[in-house]
């Protein structure tokens, strides 16, 4: 469970880093959208797994 929470925190950090990279011009908006979508999907999967294991 601890490692799942760490993974979720890392996904949240990645979300921020992607936004920062886009804002600084390092990422194209299209690439950012795709990566942000994939990151959100992973966050949802991790949250779901944490919820299932916690119940």
N, C-alpha and C. Protein backbone atom coordinates (compact mmCIF):
# COMPACT_ATOMS: atom_id res chain seq x y z
N UNK A 1 0.82 -1.18 0.00
CA UNK A 1 0.00 0.00 0.00
C UNK A 1 0.88 1.26 0.00
N UNK A 2 1.93 1.20 0.78
CA UNK A 2 2.84 2.35 0.86
C UNK A 2 3.41 2.70 -0.51
N UNK A 3 3.82 1.67 -1.28
CA UNK A 3 4.41 1.91 -2.59
C UNK A 3 3.38 2.43 -3.59
N UNK A 4 2.13 2.03 -3.44
CA UNK A 4 1.08 2.56 -4.31
C UNK A 4 0.87 4.05 -4.04
N UNK A 5 0.92 4.44 -2.78
CA UNK A 5 0.79 5.87 -2.45
C UNK A 5 1.99 6.65 -2.97
N UNK A 6 3.16 6.07 -2.91
CA UNK A 6 4.35 6.73 -3.45
C UNK A 6 4.20 6.89 -4.96
N UNK A 7 3.72 5.83 -5.63
CA UNK A 7 3.52 5.88 -7.08
C UNK A 7 2.49 6.95 -7.45
N UNK A 8 1.43 7.07 -6.67
CA UNK A 8 0.42 8.09 -6.93
C UNK A 8 1.01 9.49 -6.74
N UNK A 9 1.81 9.66 -5.72
CA UNK A 9 2.49 10.94 -5.52
C UNK A 9 3.42 11.28 -6.66
N UNK A 10 4.11 10.28 -7.17
CA UNK A 10 5.00 10.49 -8.31
C UNK A 10 4.22 10.87 -9.55
N UNK A 11 3.06 10.26 -9.74
CA UNK A 11 2.21 10.61 -10.89
C UNK A 11 1.71 12.05 -10.77
N UNK A 12 1.39 12.46 -9.55
CA UNK A 12 0.97 13.85 -9.33
C UNK A 12 2.12 14.81 -9.64
N UNK A 13 3.31 14.44 -9.23
CA UNK A 13 4.48 15.27 -9.53
C UNK A 13 4.73 15.34 -11.03
N UNK A 14 4.58 14.22 -11.71
CA UNK A 14 4.73 14.20 -13.16
C UNK A 14 3.74 15.13 -13.83
N UNK A 15 2.50 15.12 -13.34
CA UNK A 15 1.47 16.01 -13.89
C UNK A 15 1.94 17.46 -13.83
N UNK A 16 2.48 17.86 -12.69
CA UNK A 16 2.97 19.23 -12.53
C UNK A 16 4.16 19.50 -13.45
N UNK A 17 5.09 18.56 -13.53
CA UNK A 17 6.28 18.75 -14.36
C UNK A 17 5.91 18.87 -15.84
N UNK A 18 4.92 18.11 -16.27
CA UNK A 18 4.45 18.22 -17.66
C UNK A 18 3.87 19.61 -17.93
N UNK A 19 3.07 20.10 -17.00
CA UNK A 19 2.49 21.44 -17.16
C UNK A 19 3.58 22.51 -17.20
N UNK A 20 4.55 22.38 -16.33
CA UNK A 20 5.66 23.32 -16.32
C UNK A 20 6.44 23.28 -17.62
N UNK A 21 6.73 22.08 -18.12
CA UNK A 21 7.46 21.94 -19.38
C UNK A 21 6.68 22.57 -20.53
N UNK A 22 5.37 22.41 -20.53
CA UNK A 22 4.55 23.02 -21.58
C UNK A 22 4.60 24.54 -21.47
N UNK A 23 4.43 25.04 -20.25
CA UNK A 23 4.43 26.50 -20.04
C UNK A 23 5.76 27.14 -20.39
N UNK A 24 6.85 26.40 -20.21
CA UNK A 24 8.17 26.93 -20.53
C UNK A 24 8.54 26.73 -22.00
N UNK A 25 7.67 26.05 -22.74
CA UNK A 25 7.90 25.87 -24.16
C UNK A 25 8.72 24.65 -24.53
N UNK A 26 8.94 23.75 -23.60
CA UNK A 26 9.71 22.54 -23.88
C UNK A 26 8.85 21.45 -24.52
N UNK A 27 7.54 21.54 -24.33
CA UNK A 27 6.62 20.54 -24.88
C UNK A 27 5.61 21.22 -25.78
N UNK A 28 5.35 20.61 -26.92
CA UNK A 28 4.29 21.04 -27.82
C UNK A 28 2.95 20.77 -27.13
N UNK A 29 1.96 21.60 -27.39
CA UNK A 29 0.65 21.46 -26.74
C UNK A 29 0.02 20.10 -27.02
N UNK A 30 0.17 19.59 -28.23
CA UNK A 30 -0.40 18.28 -28.57
C UNK A 30 0.25 17.15 -27.80
N UNK A 31 1.56 17.20 -27.70
CA UNK A 31 2.28 16.17 -26.94
C UNK A 31 1.92 16.28 -25.46
N UNK A 32 1.82 17.51 -24.97
CA UNK A 32 1.42 17.70 -23.58
C UNK A 32 0.05 17.08 -23.32
N UNK A 33 -0.91 17.34 -24.21
CA UNK A 33 -2.26 16.80 -24.02
C UNK A 33 -2.24 15.27 -23.93
N UNK A 34 -1.49 14.63 -24.81
CA UNK A 34 -1.42 13.17 -24.80
C UNK A 34 -0.78 12.65 -23.52
N UNK A 35 0.33 13.24 -23.13
CA UNK A 35 1.01 12.80 -21.91
C UNK A 35 0.18 13.09 -20.67
N UNK A 36 -0.49 14.23 -20.63
CA UNK A 36 -1.34 14.56 -19.49
C UNK A 36 -2.51 13.59 -19.40
N UNK A 37 -3.07 13.22 -20.55
CA UNK A 37 -4.17 12.25 -20.56
C UNK A 37 -3.70 10.89 -20.03
N UNK A 38 -2.54 10.44 -20.48
CA UNK A 38 -1.99 9.17 -20.02
C UNK A 38 -1.69 9.21 -18.52
N UNK A 39 -1.17 10.33 -18.05
CA UNK A 39 -0.87 10.48 -16.62
C UNK A 39 -2.15 10.44 -15.80
N UNK A 40 -3.19 11.11 -16.27
CA UNK A 40 -4.47 11.09 -15.58
C UNK A 40 -5.03 9.68 -15.51
N UNK A 41 -4.90 8.94 -16.59
CA UNK A 41 -5.37 7.55 -16.61
C UNK A 41 -4.62 6.71 -15.57
N UNK A 42 -3.34 6.88 -15.48
CA UNK A 42 -2.54 6.14 -14.50
C UNK A 42 -2.93 6.54 -13.08
N UNK A 43 -3.15 7.84 -12.85
CA UNK A 43 -3.58 8.30 -11.53
C UNK A 43 -4.91 7.65 -11.14
N UNK A 44 -5.83 7.57 -12.09
CA UNK A 44 -7.13 6.95 -11.81
C UNK A 44 -6.96 5.46 -11.51
N UNK A 45 -6.11 4.78 -12.27
CA UNK A 45 -5.90 3.35 -12.03
C UNK A 45 -5.28 3.11 -10.66
N UNK A 46 -4.28 3.93 -10.29
CA UNK A 46 -3.65 3.79 -8.99
C UNK A 46 -4.65 4.06 -7.87
N UNK A 47 -5.43 5.12 -8.02
CA UNK A 47 -6.43 5.45 -7.00
C UNK A 47 -7.45 4.33 -6.85
N UNK A 48 -7.87 3.75 -7.97
CA UNK A 48 -8.80 2.64 -7.92
C UNK A 48 -8.22 1.43 -7.23
N UNK A 49 -6.98 1.12 -7.53
CA UNK A 49 -6.32 -0.02 -6.90
C UNK A 49 -6.15 0.21 -5.40
N UNK A 50 -5.76 1.42 -5.03
CA UNK A 50 -5.62 1.74 -3.61
C UNK A 50 -6.97 1.59 -2.91
N UNK A 51 -8.02 2.08 -3.53
CA UNK A 51 -9.35 1.98 -2.94
C UNK A 51 -9.77 0.51 -2.78
N UNK A 52 -9.54 -0.30 -3.81
CA UNK A 52 -9.92 -1.71 -3.75
C UNK A 52 -9.16 -2.47 -2.66
N UNK A 53 -7.87 -2.18 -2.53
CA UNK A 53 -7.06 -2.87 -1.53
C UNK A 53 -7.35 -2.39 -0.13
N UNK A 54 -7.77 -1.15 -0.01
CA UNK A 54 -8.04 -0.58 1.31
C UNK A 54 -9.37 -1.06 1.86
N UNK A 55 -10.30 -1.38 0.99
CA UNK A 55 -11.65 -1.78 1.42
C UNK A 55 -11.69 -3.15 2.02
